[in-house]
Amino acid sequence: MVSRAAAGSADGPAAVLAAVSTAVSAAVALAEEHGVRVREPVVLNDSFNLRVHLRPAPIVARIPTVTALGRPRPAEALERELAVASYLHASGAPVVPPSDLLPPGPHVRDGVTLSLWAYAEHDPGHVPTPDTAGRMLAELHAVLRAFPGELPLLGPVLQEPVRLLELLSGKIDPEALDRLRTAHAALAERLGAGLSTGQGGQAGGDVRTSGAEQAPPAQVVHGDAHPGNLLATPAGPLWNDFEECMSAPVGWDLACLSRTTRLDGRAAVRAYGADPDDPELRTFVAARGLQGTLWVLVRALRFPEHAAGARAALDAWLRDPSGATR
């Protein structure tokens, strides 16, 4: 029996429910193979990913669903996320850690890709103050500078939108799709101009222009640093959801924070110690606006009930592709 705290329907509600049931069964079977008894799996959220609390164990299975549409190899994103979150947890940073009760993965069971995380009781309605969000992002970046691994340089920003645009072909107005494609190509060129991986692509190394002008240095960043991924738990605020972690200038995370509608993003950027009007942020803000629009449109392919919201997001982007307004 699967109880549902949140649910979606798409492709036909029956097809989505069947996919959810298969995913939940795979997570339960995997846990029980490792000696963890699951009596009541609860779907916590089914949006871009499926999250299942394997009750009574304090474990959450994270299963790519919509995100898998834009990532042909979703296990690779999960592997990067687990590596970064594990490093942060070991460093004492405030993050939701991978599960320590059984191997966190990533796993592939019965065709289902998933990772396993500690369950964090939290208040989903709580919104941090701009000061808290900005300060905690600065502290997170300080710890991430020493991450020893390698992550793709702007991978989710440069590469994933190409796949999302392919998925949207024939699904939205061709003229709008052409504008999205043209905008992504221009932004990718601006973001990639002069960037090099330096030390073999090492995430912590400086990334510079080939000429005299220096590009912002790249380091490991959260990738999706909005307040919804800063959970209010009894232990204090914890960062969550690092699936878009990558090597990038910190301006990317600042763009994510500045564009949020949950709080005063500009004030949060100032609390970080940056200028929200810094011209260097404009390209990141535009790229974040485009990225968010594409993901919302692709989510509507699986969840038709979100089609109106997706259309509104597209219309907003068509009116202002700079990302400055939402």
C-alpha atoms as a PDB file:
ATOM      1  CA  MET A   1       0.000   0.000   0.000  1.00  0.00           C
ATOM      2  CA  VAL A   2       1.456   3.351  -1.025  1.00  0.00           C
ATOM      3  CA  SER A   3       0.074   6.497   0.590  1.00  0.00           C
ATOM      4  CA  ARG A   4       0.570   9.677  -1.399  1.00  0.00           C
ATOM      5  CA  ALA A   5       1.423  12.989   0.229  1.00  0.00           C
ATOM      6  CA  ALA A   6       1.756  14.521  -3.245  1.00  0.00           C
ATOM      7  CA  ALA A   7       0.948  13.150  -6.659  1.00  0.00           C
ATOM      8  CA  GLY A   8       0.866  14.045 -10.315  1.00  0.00           C
ATOM      9  CA  SER A   9      -0.736  12.705 -13.409  1.00  0.00           C
ATOM     10  CA  ALA A  10       0.297  12.839 -17.008  1.00  0.00           C
ATOM     11  CA  ASP A  11       0.579  10.832 -20.188  1.00  0.00           C
ATOM     12  CA  GLY A  12      -2.685   9.541 -18.808  1.00  0.00           C
ATOM     13  CA  PRO A  13      -3.056   9.318 -15.033  1.00  0.00           C
ATOM     14  CA  ALA A  14      -2.981   5.508 -15.141  1.00  0.00           C
ATOM     15  CA  ALA A  15       0.385   5.441 -16.887  1.00  0.00           C
ATOM     16  CA  VAL A  16       1.956   7.810 -14.372  1.00  0.00           C
ATOM     17  CA  LEU A  17       0.486   5.940 -11.409  1.00  0.00           C
ATOM     18  CA  ALA A  18       1.861   2.709 -12.816  1.00  0.00           C
ATOM     19  CA  ALA A  19       5.309   4.287 -13.225  1.00  0.00           C
ATOM     20  CA  VAL A  20       5.188   5.618  -9.672  1.00  0.00           C
ATOM     21  CA  SER A  21       4.140   2.216  -8.348  1.00  0.00           C
ATOM     22  CA  THR A  22       7.026   0.541 -10.200  1.00  0.00           C
ATOM     23  CA  ALA A  23       9.505   3.083  -8.826  1.00  0.00           C
ATOM     24  CA  VAL A  24       8.244   2.742  -5.259  1.00  0.00           C
ATOM     25  CA  SER A  25       8.362  -1.052  -5.481  1.00  0.00           C
ATOM     26  CA  ALA A  26      11.956  -0.916  -6.725  1.00  0.00           C
ATOM     27  CA  ALA A  27      13.000   1.355  -3.834  1.00  0.00           C
ATOM     28  CA  VAL A  28      11.264  -0.858  -1.270  1.00  0.00           C
ATOM     29  CA  ALA A  29      12.818  -4.026  -2.700  1.00  0.00           C
ATOM     30  CA  LEU A  30      16.281  -2.463  -2.683  1.00  0.00           C
ATOM     31  CA  ALA A  31      15.955  -1.375   0.938  1.00  0.00           C
ATOM     32  CA  GLU A  32      14.683  -4.753   2.066  1.00  0.00           C
ATOM     33  CA  GLU A  33      17.535  -6.519   0.270  1.00  0.00           C
ATOM     34  CA  HIS A  34      19.824  -4.585   2.608  1.00  0.00           C
ATOM     35  CA  GLY A  35      17.838  -5.562   5.698  1.00  0.00           C
ATOM     36  CA  VAL A  36      15.720  -2.395   6.018  1.00  0.00           C
ATOM     37  CA  ARG A  37      12.042  -3.214   6.489  1.00  0.00           C
ATOM     38  CA  VAL A  38       9.650  -0.802   4.802  1.00  0.00           C
ATOM     39  CA  ARG A  39       6.106  -0.887   6.129  1.00  0.00           C
ATOM     40  CA  GLU A  40       4.548   2.225   4.622  1.00  0.00           C
ATOM     41  CA  PRO A  41       6.320   3.970   1.743  1.00  0.00           C
ATOM     42  CA  VAL A  42       5.043   7.523   1.390  1.00  0.00           C
ATOM     43  CA  VAL A  43       5.402   9.611  -1.757  1.00  0.00           C
ATOM     44  CA  LEU A  44       6.583  12.969  -0.453  1.00  0.00           C
ATOM     45  CA  ASN A  45       6.775  14.708  -3.792  1.00  0.00           C
ATOM     46  CA  ASP A  46       6.335  13.890  -7.460  1.00  0.00           C
ATOM     47  CA  SER A  47       7.354  16.789  -9.658  1.00  0.00           C
ATOM     48  CA  PHE A  48      10.739  16.916 -11.372  1.00  0.00           C
ATOM     49  CA  ASN A  49      11.811  13.919  -9.276  1.00  0.00           C
ATOM     50  CA  LEU A  50       9.931  11.348  -7.243  1.00  0.00           C
ATOM     51  CA  ARG A  51      10.790  11.312  -3.531  1.00  0.00           C
ATOM     52  CA  VAL A  52       9.642   8.422  -1.390  1.00  0.00           C
ATOM     53  CA  HIS A  53       9.966   8.144   2.404  1.00  0.00           C
ATOM     54  CA  LEU A  54      10.653   4.482   3.151  1.00  0.00           C
ATOM     55  CA  ARG A  55       8.833   4.531   6.470  1.00  0.00           C
ATOM     56  CA  PRO A  56       9.465   3.742   9.215  1.00  0.00           C
ATOM     57  CA  ALA A  57      13.141   3.926   8.227  1.00  0.00           C
ATOM     58  CA  PRO A  58      14.536   7.491   8.113  1.00  0.00           C
ATOM     59  CA  ILE A  59      15.413   7.071   4.441  1.00  0.00           C
ATOM     60  CA  VAL A  60      14.207   8.890   1.334  1.00  0.00           C
ATOM     61  CA  ALA A  61      14.560   7.391  -2.136  1.00  0.00           C
ATOM     62  CA  ARG A  62      15.156   9.985  -4.837  1.00  0.00           C
ATOM     63  CA  ILE A  63      14.098   8.812  -8.300  1.00  0.00           C
ATOM     64  CA  PRO A  64      14.609  10.923 -11.442  1.00  0.00           C
ATOM     65  CA  THR A  65      11.406  11.259 -13.469  1.00  0.00           C
ATOM     66  CA  VAL A  66      11.031  14.539 -15.385  1.00  0.00           C
ATOM     67  CA  THR A  67      14.751  15.230 -14.901  1.00  0.00           C
ATOM     68  CA  ALA A  68      15.502  11.895 -16.574  1.00  0.00           C
ATOM     69  CA  LEU A  69      13.811  13.216 -19.724  1.00  0.00           C
ATOM     70  CA  GLY A  70      16.573  15.789 -20.034  1.00  0.00           C
ATOM     71  CA  ARG A  71      19.384  13.521 -18.846  1.00  0.00           C
ATOM     72  CA  PRO A  72      19.909  10.353 -20.869  1.00  0.00           C
ATOM     73  CA  ARG A  73      22.222   9.068 -18.100  1.00  0.00           C
ATOM     74  CA  PRO A  74      20.503  10.206 -14.874  1.00  0.00           C
ATOM     75  CA  ALA A  75      22.773   8.042 -12.708  1.00  0.00           C
ATOM     76  CA  GLU A  76      25.691  10.329 -13.560  1.00  0.00           C
ATOM     77  CA  ALA A  77      23.907  13.352 -12.063  1.00  0.00           C
ATOM     78  CA  LEU A  78      23.010  11.323  -8.976  1.00  0.00           C
ATOM     79  CA  GLU A  79      26.614  10.209  -8.608  1.00  0.00           C
ATOM     80  CA  ARG A  80      27.863  13.802  -8.722  1.00  0.00           C
ATOM     81  CA  GLU A  81      25.194  14.874  -6.257  1.00  0.00           C
ATOM     82  CA  LEU A  82      26.095  12.120  -3.804  1.00  0.00           C
ATOM     83  CA  ALA A  83      29.803  12.923  -4.046  1.00  0.00           C
ATOM     84  CA  VAL A  84      29.281  16.631  -3.359  1.00  0.00           C
ATOM     85  CA  ALA A  85      26.754  16.104  -0.549  1.00  0.00           C
ATOM     86  CA  SER A  86      28.969  13.476   1.081  1.00  0.00           C
ATOM     87  CA  TYR A  87      31.954  15.836   0.973  1.00  0.00           C
ATOM     88  CA  LEU A  88      29.926  18.687   2.447  1.00  0.00           C
ATOM     89  CA  HIS A  89      28.502  16.507   5.221  1.00  0.00           C
ATOM     90  CA  ALA A  90      31.965  15.203   6.121  1.00  0.00           C
ATOM     91  CA  SER A  91      33.175  18.816   6.204  1.00  0.00           C
ATOM     92  CA  GLY A  92      30.476  19.770   8.699  1.00  0.00           C
ATOM     93  CA  ALA A  93      28.438  21.864   6.269  1.00  0.00           C
ATOM     94  CA  PRO A  94      24.663  22.063   6.866  1.00  0.00           C
ATOM     95  CA  VAL A  95      23.305  19.656   4.254  1.00  0.00           C
ATOM     96  CA  VAL A  96      20.867  16.765   4.060  1.00  0.00           C
ATOM     97  CA  PRO A  97      23.295  13.826   3.865  1.00  0.00           C
ATOM     98  CA  PRO A  98      23.112  10.596   1.902  1.00  0.00           C
ATOM     99  CA  SER A  99      21.749   7.651   3.857  1.00  0.00           C
ATOM    100  CA  ASP A 100      24.144   6.010   6.284  1.00  0.00           C
ATOM    101  CA  LEU A 101      21.820   3.056   6.901  1.00  0.00           C
ATOM    102  CA  LEU A 102      22.447   1.418   3.530  1.00  0.00           C
ATOM    103  CA  PRO A 103      24.527   2.175   0.426  1.00  0.00           C
ATOM    104  CA  PRO A 104      23.283   5.505  -0.967  1.00  0.00           C
ATOM    105  CA  GLY A 105      23.916   4.548  -4.582  1.00  0.00           C
ATOM    106  CA  PRO A 106      23.234   5.466  -7.237  1.00  0.00           C
ATOM    107  CA  HIS A 107      21.387   2.209  -7.819  1.00  0.00           C
ATOM    108  CA  VAL A 108      19.536   0.778 -10.783  1.00  0.00           C
ATOM    109  CA  ARG A 109      16.844  -1.682  -9.709  1.00  0.00           C
ATOM    110  CA  ASP A 110      14.246  -3.119 -12.103  1.00  0.00           C
ATOM    111  CA  GLY A 111      15.100  -0.371 -14.590  1.00  0.00           C
ATOM    112  CA  VAL A 112      14.628   2.358 -11.950  1.00  0.00           C
ATOM    113  CA  THR A 113      17.539   4.690 -11.159  1.00  0.00           C
ATOM    114  CA  LEU A 114      17.594   5.994  -7.595  1.00  0.00           C
ATOM    115  CA  SER A 115      19.693   7.295  -4.727  1.00  0.00           C
ATOM    116  CA  LEU A 116      19.047   7.047  -0.988  1.00  0.00           C
ATOM    117  CA  TRP A 117      19.135   9.916   1.493  1.00  0.00           C
ATOM    118  CA  ALA A 118      18.610  10.594   5.174  1.00  0.00           C
ATOM    119  CA  TYR A 119      15.059  11.695   5.951  1.00  0.00           C
ATOM    120  CA  ALA A 120      14.992  15.296   7.196  1.00  0.00           C
ATOM    121  CA  GLU A 121      11.874  16.434   9.014  1.00  0.00           C
ATOM    122  CA  HIS A 122      11.231  19.989   7.898  1.00  0.00           C
ATOM    123  CA  ASP A 123       8.657  22.740   7.555  1.00  0.00           C
ATOM    124  CA  PRO A 124       7.959  23.087   3.798  1.00  0.00           C
ATOM    125  CA  GLY A 125       6.152  26.370   4.350  1.00  0.00           C
ATOM    126  CA  HIS A 126       9.067  28.093   6.052  1.00  0.00           C
ATOM    127  CA  VAL A 127      10.890  30.752   4.034  1.00  0.00           C
ATOM    128  CA  PRO A 128      14.355  31.809   5.217  1.00  0.00           C
ATOM    129  CA  THR A 129      15.168  35.470   5.525  1.00  0.00           C
ATOM    130  CA  PRO A 130      17.226  37.023   2.721  1.00  0.00           C
ATOM    131  CA  ASP A 131      20.078  37.455   5.186  1.00  0.00           C
ATOM    132  CA  THR A 132      20.044  33.772   6.097  1.00  0.00           C
ATOM    133  CA  ALA A 133      19.859  32.604   2.483  1.00  0.00           C
ATOM    134  CA  GLY A 134      22.654  34.883   1.288  1.00  0.00           C
ATOM    135  CA  ARG A 135      24.950  34.217   4.226  1.00  0.00           C
ATOM    136  CA  MET A 136      24.480  30.453   4.042  1.00  0.00           C
ATOM    137  CA  LEU A 137      25.174  30.410   0.316  1.00  0.00           C
ATOM    138  CA  ALA A 138      28.439  32.283   0.891  1.00  0.00           C
ATOM    139  CA  GLU A 139      29.403  29.769   3.576  1.00  0.00           C
ATOM    140  CA  LEU A 140      28.481  26.867   1.290  1.00  0.00           C
ATOM    141  CA  HIS A 141      30.667  28.221  -1.501  1.00  0.00           C
ATOM    142  CA  ALA A 142      33.570  28.624   0.898  1.00  0.00           C
ATOM    143  CA  VAL A 143      33.448  24.909   1.737  1.00  0.00           C
ATOM    144  CA  LEU A 144      32.887  23.846  -1.868  1.00  0.00           C
ATOM    145  CA  ARG A 145      36.069  25.589  -3.024  1.00  0.00           C
ATOM    146  CA  ALA A 146      38.083  22.707  -1.602  1.00  0.00           C
ATOM    147  CA  PHE A 147      36.014  19.930  -3.214  1.00  0.00           C
ATOM    148  CA  PRO A 148      38.634  17.508  -4.593  1.00  0.00           C
ATOM    149  CA  GLY A 149      36.688  16.022  -7.499  1.00  0.00           C
ATOM    150  CA  GLU A 150      35.944  17.082 -11.064  1.00  0.00           C
ATOM    151  CA  LEU A 151      32.563  18.288 -12.261  1.00  0.00           C
ATOM    152  CA  PRO A 152      31.458  19.366 -15.749  1.00  0.00           C
ATOM    153  CA  LEU A 153      31.989  23.040 -16.455  1.00  0.00           C
ATOM    154  CA  LEU A 154      28.501  24.601 -16.693  1.00  0.00           C
ATOM    155  CA  GLY A 155      27.190  21.193 -17.810  1.00  0.00           C
ATOM    156  CA  PRO A 156      23.536  21.591 -16.766  1.00  0.00           C
ATOM    157  CA  VAL A 157      23.511  25.087 -18.269  1.00  0.00           C
ATOM    158  CA  LEU A 158      25.199  24.417 -21.602  1.00  0.00           C
ATOM    159  CA  GLN A 159      24.277  20.803 -22.368  1.00  0.00           C
ATOM    160  CA  GLU A 160      20.931  19.894 -20.803  1.00  0.00           C
ATOM    161  CA  PRO A 161      18.903  22.650 -22.531  1.00  0.00           C
ATOM    162  CA  VAL A 162      19.878  21.150 -25.897  1.00  0.00           C
ATOM    163  CA  ARG A 163      18.147  17.909 -24.926  1.00  0.00           C
ATOM    164  CA  LEU A 164      15.140  19.782 -23.515  1.00  0.00           C
ATOM    165  CA  LEU A 165      14.759  21.737 -26.746  1.00  0.00           C
ATOM    166  CA  GLU A 166      14.741  18.468 -28.702  1.00  0.00           C
ATOM    167  CA  LEU A 167      11.974  17.122 -26.466  1.00  0.00           C
ATOM    168  CA  LEU A 168       9.872  20.238 -27.047  1.00  0.00           C
ATOM    169  CA  SER A 169      10.050  19.975 -30.840  1.00  0.00           C
ATOM    170  CA  GLY A 170       6.485  19.579 -32.104  1.00  0.00           C
ATOM    171  CA  LYS A 171       5.096  20.246 -28.617  1.00  0.00           C
ATOM    172  CA  ILE A 172       5.116  24.046 -28.572  1.00  0.00           C
ATOM    173  CA  ASP A 173       4.717  26.812 -31.145  1.00  0.00           C
ATOM    174  CA  PRO A 174       7.574  26.513 -33.701  1.00  0.00           C
ATOM    175  CA  GLU A 175       8.301  30.237 -33.626  1.00  0.00           C
ATOM    176  CA  ALA A 176       8.618  30.184 -29.833  1.00  0.00           C
ATOM    177  CA  LEU A 177      10.825  27.093 -30.037  1.00  0.00           C
ATOM    178  CA  ASP A 178      13.068  28.839 -32.555  1.00  0.00           C
ATOM    179  CA  ARG A 179      13.429  31.831 -30.250  1.00  0.00           C
ATOM    180  CA  LEU A 180      14.337  29.529 -27.355  1.00  0.00           C
ATOM    181  CA  ARG A 181      16.932  27.725 -29.471  1.00  0.00           C
ATOM    182  CA  THR A 182      18.467  30.958 -30.722  1.00  0.00           C
ATOM    183  CA  ALA A 183      18.623  32.378 -27.199  1.00  0.00           C
ATOM    184  CA  HIS A 184      20.283  29.253 -25.814  1.00  0.00           C
ATOM    185  CA  ALA A 185      22.885  29.231 -28.572  1.00  0.00           C
ATOM    186  CA  ALA A 186      23.726  32.889 -27.921  1.00  0.00           C
ATOM    187  CA  LEU A 187      23.901  32.420 -24.154  1.00  0.00           C
ATOM    188  CA  ALA A 188      26.018  29.278 -24.495  1.00  0.00           C
ATOM    189  CA  GLU A 189      28.459  31.185 -26.672  1.00  0.00           C
ATOM    190  CA  ARG A 190      28.661  34.052 -24.181  1.00  0.00           C
ATOM    191  CA  LEU A 191      29.073  31.734 -21.205  1.00  0.00           C
ATOM    192  CA  GLY A 192      31.621  29.530 -22.908  1.00  0.00           C
ATOM    193  CA  ALA A 193      33.659  32.297 -24.522  1.00  0.00           C
ATOM    194  CA  GLY A 194      37.159  32.187 -23.139  1.00  0.00           C
ATOM    195  CA  LEU A 195      36.417  29.529 -20.530  1.00  0.00           C
ATOM    196  CA  SER A 196      38.847  26.634 -20.283  1.00  0.00           C
ATOM    197  CA  THR A 197      39.058  23.814 -17.808  1.00  0.00           C
ATOM    198  CA  GLY A 198      42.597  24.724 -16.824  1.00  0.00           C
ATOM    199  CA  GLN A 199      43.827  21.966 -14.537  1.00  0.00           C
ATOM    200  CA  GLY A 200      42.387  19.047 -16.466  1.00  0.00           C
ATOM    201  CA  GLY A 201      38.855  20.228 -15.755  1.00  0.00           C
ATOM    202  CA  GLN A 202      39.368  20.258 -12.007  1.00  0.00           C
ATOM    203  CA  ALA A 203      36.400  22.003 -10.469  1.00  0.00           C
ATOM    204  CA  GLY A 204      38.388  23.958  -7.937  1.00  0.00           C
ATOM    205  CA  GLY A 205      40.844  25.442 -10.457  1.00  0.00           C
ATOM    206  CA  ASP A 206      40.654  28.914 -11.911  1.00  0.00           C
ATOM    207  CA  VAL A 207      38.997  29.253 -15.298  1.00  0.00           C
ATOM    208  CA  ARG A 208      40.384  32.146 -17.306  1.00  0.00           C
ATOM    209  CA  THR A 209      40.000  33.791 -20.671  1.00  0.00           C
ATOM    210  CA  SER A 210      42.638  33.162 -23.299  1.00  0.00           C
ATOM    211  CA  GLY A 211      43.342  36.877 -23.634  1.00  0.00           C
ATOM    212  CA  ALA A 212      44.067  39.670 -21.226  1.00  0.00           C
ATOM    213  CA  GLU A 213      40.513  39.851 -19.910  1.00  0.00           C
ATOM    214  CA  GLN A 214      39.880  37.409 -17.089  1.00  0.00           C
ATOM    215  CA  ALA A 215      36.646  35.461 -16.782  1.00  0.00           C
ATOM    216  CA  PRO A 216      35.154  34.844 -13.330  1.00  0.00           C
ATOM    217  CA  PRO A 217      36.857  31.870 -11.658  1.00  0.00           C
ATOM    218  CA  ALA A 218      34.945  28.596 -11.597  1.00  0.00           C
ATOM    219  CA  GLN A 219      34.465  26.342  -8.598  1.00  0.00           C
ATOM    220  CA  VAL A 220      31.895  23.779  -7.530  1.00  0.00           C
ATOM    221  CA  VAL A 221      28.498  25.422  -7.005  1.00  0.00           C
ATOM    222  CA  HIS A 222      25.127  24.183  -5.797  1.00  0.00           C
ATOM    223  CA  GLY A 223      23.534  24.642  -9.219  1.00  0.00           C
ATOM    224  CA  ASP A 224      19.970  25.217  -7.984  1.00  0.00           C
ATOM    225  CA  ALA A 225      20.511  27.553  -5.040  1.00  0.00           C
ATOM    226  CA  HIS A 226      17.023  28.868  -4.416  1.00  0.00           C
ATOM    227  CA  PRO A 227      15.394  29.061  -0.946  1.00  0.00           C
ATOM    228  CA  GLY A 228      13.200  26.016  -1.621  1.00  0.00           C
ATOM    229  CA  ASN A 229      16.358  23.929  -1.406  1.00  0.00           C
ATOM    230  CA  LEU A 230      17.229  25.320   2.031  1.00  0.00           C
ATOM    231  CA  LEU A 231      15.116  23.183   4.360  1.00  0.00           C
ATOM    232  CA  ALA A 232      13.961  24.402   7.767  1.00  0.00           C
ATOM    233  CA  THR A 233      14.695  21.426  10.056  1.00  0.00           C
ATOM    234  CA  PRO A 234      14.832  21.052  13.858  1.00  0.00           C
ATOM    235  CA  ALA A 235      18.635  21.053  13.476  1.00  0.00           C
ATOM    236  CA  GLY A 236      18.544  24.358  11.571  1.00  0.00           C
ATOM    237  CA  PRO A 237      18.526  25.171   7.854  1.00  0.00           C
ATOM    238  CA  LEU A 238      19.990  22.426   5.645  1.00  0.00           C
ATOM    239  CA  TRP A 239      20.900  22.654   1.974  1.00  0.00           C
ATOM    240  CA  ASN A 240      19.329  19.980  -0.182  1.00  0.00           C
ATOM    241  CA  ASP A 241      19.074  18.913  -3.840  1.00  0.00           C
ATOM    242  CA  PHE A 242      22.533  19.132  -5.417  1.00  0.00           C
ATOM    243  CA  GLU A 243      21.601  17.284  -8.610  1.00  0.00           C
ATOM    244  CA  GLU A 244      22.640  20.269 -10.752  1.00  0.00           C
ATOM    245  CA  CYS A 245      25.980  20.745  -9.006  1.00  0.00           C
ATOM    246  CA  MET A 246      28.717  21.677 -11.445  1.00  0.00           C
ATOM    247  CA  SER A 247      31.822  23.734 -11.932  1.00  0.00           C
ATOM    248  CA  ALA A 248      30.838  27.347 -12.607  1.00  0.00           C
ATOM    249  CA  PRO A 249      31.413  30.904 -11.486  1.00  0.00           C
ATOM    250  CA  VAL A 250      29.520  31.587  -8.260  1.00  0.00           C
ATOM    251  CA  GLY A 251      27.482  34.059 -10.304  1.00  0.00           C
ATOM    252  CA  TRP A 252      25.347  31.135 -11.428  1.00  0.00           C
ATOM    253  CA  ASP A 253      24.142  30.405  -7.888  1.00  0.00           C
ATOM    254  CA  LEU A 254      23.664  34.121  -7.281  1.00  0.00           C
ATOM    255  CA  ALA A 255      21.440  34.264 -10.367  1.00  0.00           C
ATOM    256  CA  CYS A 256      19.380  31.372  -8.989  1.00  0.00           C
ATOM    257  CA  LEU A 257      19.030  33.201  -5.687  1.00  0.00           C
ATOM    258  CA  SER A 258      18.259  36.590  -7.220  1.00  0.00           C
ATOM    259  CA  ARG A 259      15.444  35.223  -9.405  1.00  0.00           C
ATOM    260  CA  THR A 260      13.517  33.517  -6.604  1.00  0.00           C
ATOM    261  CA  THR A 261       9.976  34.669  -5.851  1.00  0.00           C
ATOM    262  CA  ARG A 262      10.060  33.181  -2.345  1.00  0.00           C
ATOM    263  CA  LEU A 263      11.962  36.105  -0.838  1.00  0.00           C
ATOM    264  CA  ASP A 264      13.752  39.309  -1.774  1.00  0.00           C
ATOM    265  CA  GLY A 265      16.435  37.815  -3.992  1.00  0.00           C
ATOM    266  CA  ARG A 266      18.303  41.069  -4.448  1.00  0.00           C
ATOM    267  CA  ALA A 267      18.592  41.488  -0.689  1.00  0.00           C
ATOM    268  CA  ALA A 268      19.817  37.887  -0.420  1.00  0.00           C
ATOM    269  CA  VAL A 269      22.535  38.561  -3.006  1.00  0.00           C
ATOM    270  CA  ARG A 270      23.626  41.616  -1.031  1.00  0.00           C
ATOM    271  CA  ALA A 271      23.719  39.492   2.149  1.00  0.00           C
ATOM    272  CA  TYR A 272      25.988  37.104   0.256  1.00  0.00           C
ATOM    273  CA  GLY A 273      28.368  40.030  -0.234  1.00  0.00           C
ATOM    274  CA  ALA A 274      27.717  40.638  -3.931  1.00  0.00           C
ATOM    275  CA  ASP A 275      26.111  43.398  -5.950  1.00  0.00           C
ATOM    276  CA  PRO A 276      22.808  42.292  -7.538  1.00  0.00           C
ATOM    277  CA  ASP A 277      23.375  44.907 -10.261  1.00  0.00           C
ATOM    278  CA  ASP A 278      26.814  43.582 -11.188  1.00  0.00           C
ATOM    279  CA  PRO A 279      26.872  43.420 -15.014  1.00  0.00           C
ATOM    280  CA  GLU A 280      28.656  40.045 -14.820  1.00  0.00           C
ATOM    281  CA  LEU A 281      25.465  38.508 -13.392  1.00  0.00           C
ATOM    282  CA  ARG A 282      23.273  39.450 -16.351  1.00  0.00           C
ATOM    283  CA  THR A 283      24.225  36.520 -18.570  1.00  0.00           C
ATOM    284  CA  PHE A 284      23.729  34.073 -15.693  1.00  0.00           C
ATOM    285  CA  VAL A 285      20.321  35.590 -14.893  1.00  0.00           C
ATOM    286  CA  ALA A 286      19.254  35.262 -18.535  1.00  0.00           C
ATOM    287  CA  ALA A 287      20.540  31.689 -18.748  1.00  0.00           C
ATOM    288  CA  ARG A 288      18.770  30.756 -15.510  1.00  0.00           C
ATOM    289  CA  GLY A 289      15.524  32.245 -16.808  1.00  0.00           C
ATOM    290  CA  LEU A 290      15.792  30.232 -20.016  1.00  0.00           C
ATOM    291  CA  GLN A 291      16.744  27.046 -18.172  1.00  0.00           C
ATOM    292  CA  GLY A 292      13.790  27.335 -15.797  1.00  0.00           C
ATOM    293  CA  THR A 293      11.360  27.956 -18.655  1.00  0.00           C
ATOM    294  CA  LEU A 294      12.547  24.867 -20.525  1.00  0.00           C
ATOM    295  CA  TRP A 295      12.254  22.593 -17.502  1.00  0.00           C
ATOM    296  CA  VAL A 296       8.732  23.849 -16.727  1.00  0.00           C
ATOM    297  CA  LEU A 297       7.700  23.199 -20.327  1.00  0.00           C
ATOM    298  CA  VAL A 298       9.149  19.680 -20.258  1.00  0.00           C
ATOM    299  CA  ARG A 299       7.462  18.937 -16.923  1.00  0.00           C
ATOM    300  CA  ALA A 300       4.129  19.678 -18.594  1.00  0.00           C
ATOM    301  CA  LEU A 301       4.813  16.813 -21.022  1.00  0.00           C
ATOM    302  CA  ARG A 302       4.486  14.411 -18.087  1.00  0.00           C
ATOM    303  CA  PHE A 303       1.984  16.457 -16.080  1.00  0.00           C
ATOM    304  CA  PRO A 304      -0.566  18.046 -18.445  1.00  0.00           C
ATOM    305  CA  GLU A 305      -2.263  19.740 -15.490  1.00  0.00           C
ATOM    306  CA  HIS A 306       0.770  22.058 -15.398  1.00  0.00           C
ATOM    307  CA  ALA A 307       0.303  23.100 -19.040  1.00  0.00           C
ATOM    308  CA  ALA A 308      -1.315  26.449 -18.199  1.00  0.00           C
ATOM    309  CA  GLY A 309       1.510  27.356 -15.836  1.00  0.00           C
ATOM    310  CA  ALA A 310       4.074  26.282 -18.411  1.00  0.00           C
ATOM    311  CA  ARG A 311       2.422  28.432 -21.055  1.00  0.00           C
ATOM    312  CA  ALA A 312       2.437  31.395 -18.666  1.00  0.00           C
ATOM    313  CA  ALA A 313       6.150  30.845 -18.008  1.00  0.00           C
ATOM    314  CA  LEU A 314       6.847  30.717 -21.745  1.00  0.00           C
ATOM    315  CA  ASP A 315       4.835  33.883 -22.371  1.00  0.00           C
ATOM    316  CA  ALA A 316       6.746  35.649 -19.589  1.00  0.00           C
ATOM    317  CA  TRP A 317      10.061  34.580 -21.114  1.00  0.00           C
ATOM    318  CA  LEU A 318       8.997  35.689 -24.607  1.00  0.00           C
ATOM    319  CA  ARG A 319       8.143  39.126 -23.198  1.00  0.00           C
ATOM    320  CA  ASP A 320      11.435  39.397 -21.319  1.00  0.00           C
ATOM    321  CA  PRO A 321      14.180  36.887 -22.147  1.00  0.00           C
ATOM    322  CA  SER A 322      16.652  38.795 -19.959  1.00  0.00           C
ATOM    323  CA  GLY A 323      15.419  36.853 -16.928  1.00  0.00           C
ATOM    324  CA  ALA A 324      15.166  40.083 -14.952  1.00  0.00           C
ATOM    325  CA  THR A 325      11.412  39.693 -14.418  1.00  0.00           C
ATOM    326  CA  ARG A 326       9.323  36.671 -13.510  1.00  0.00           C
END
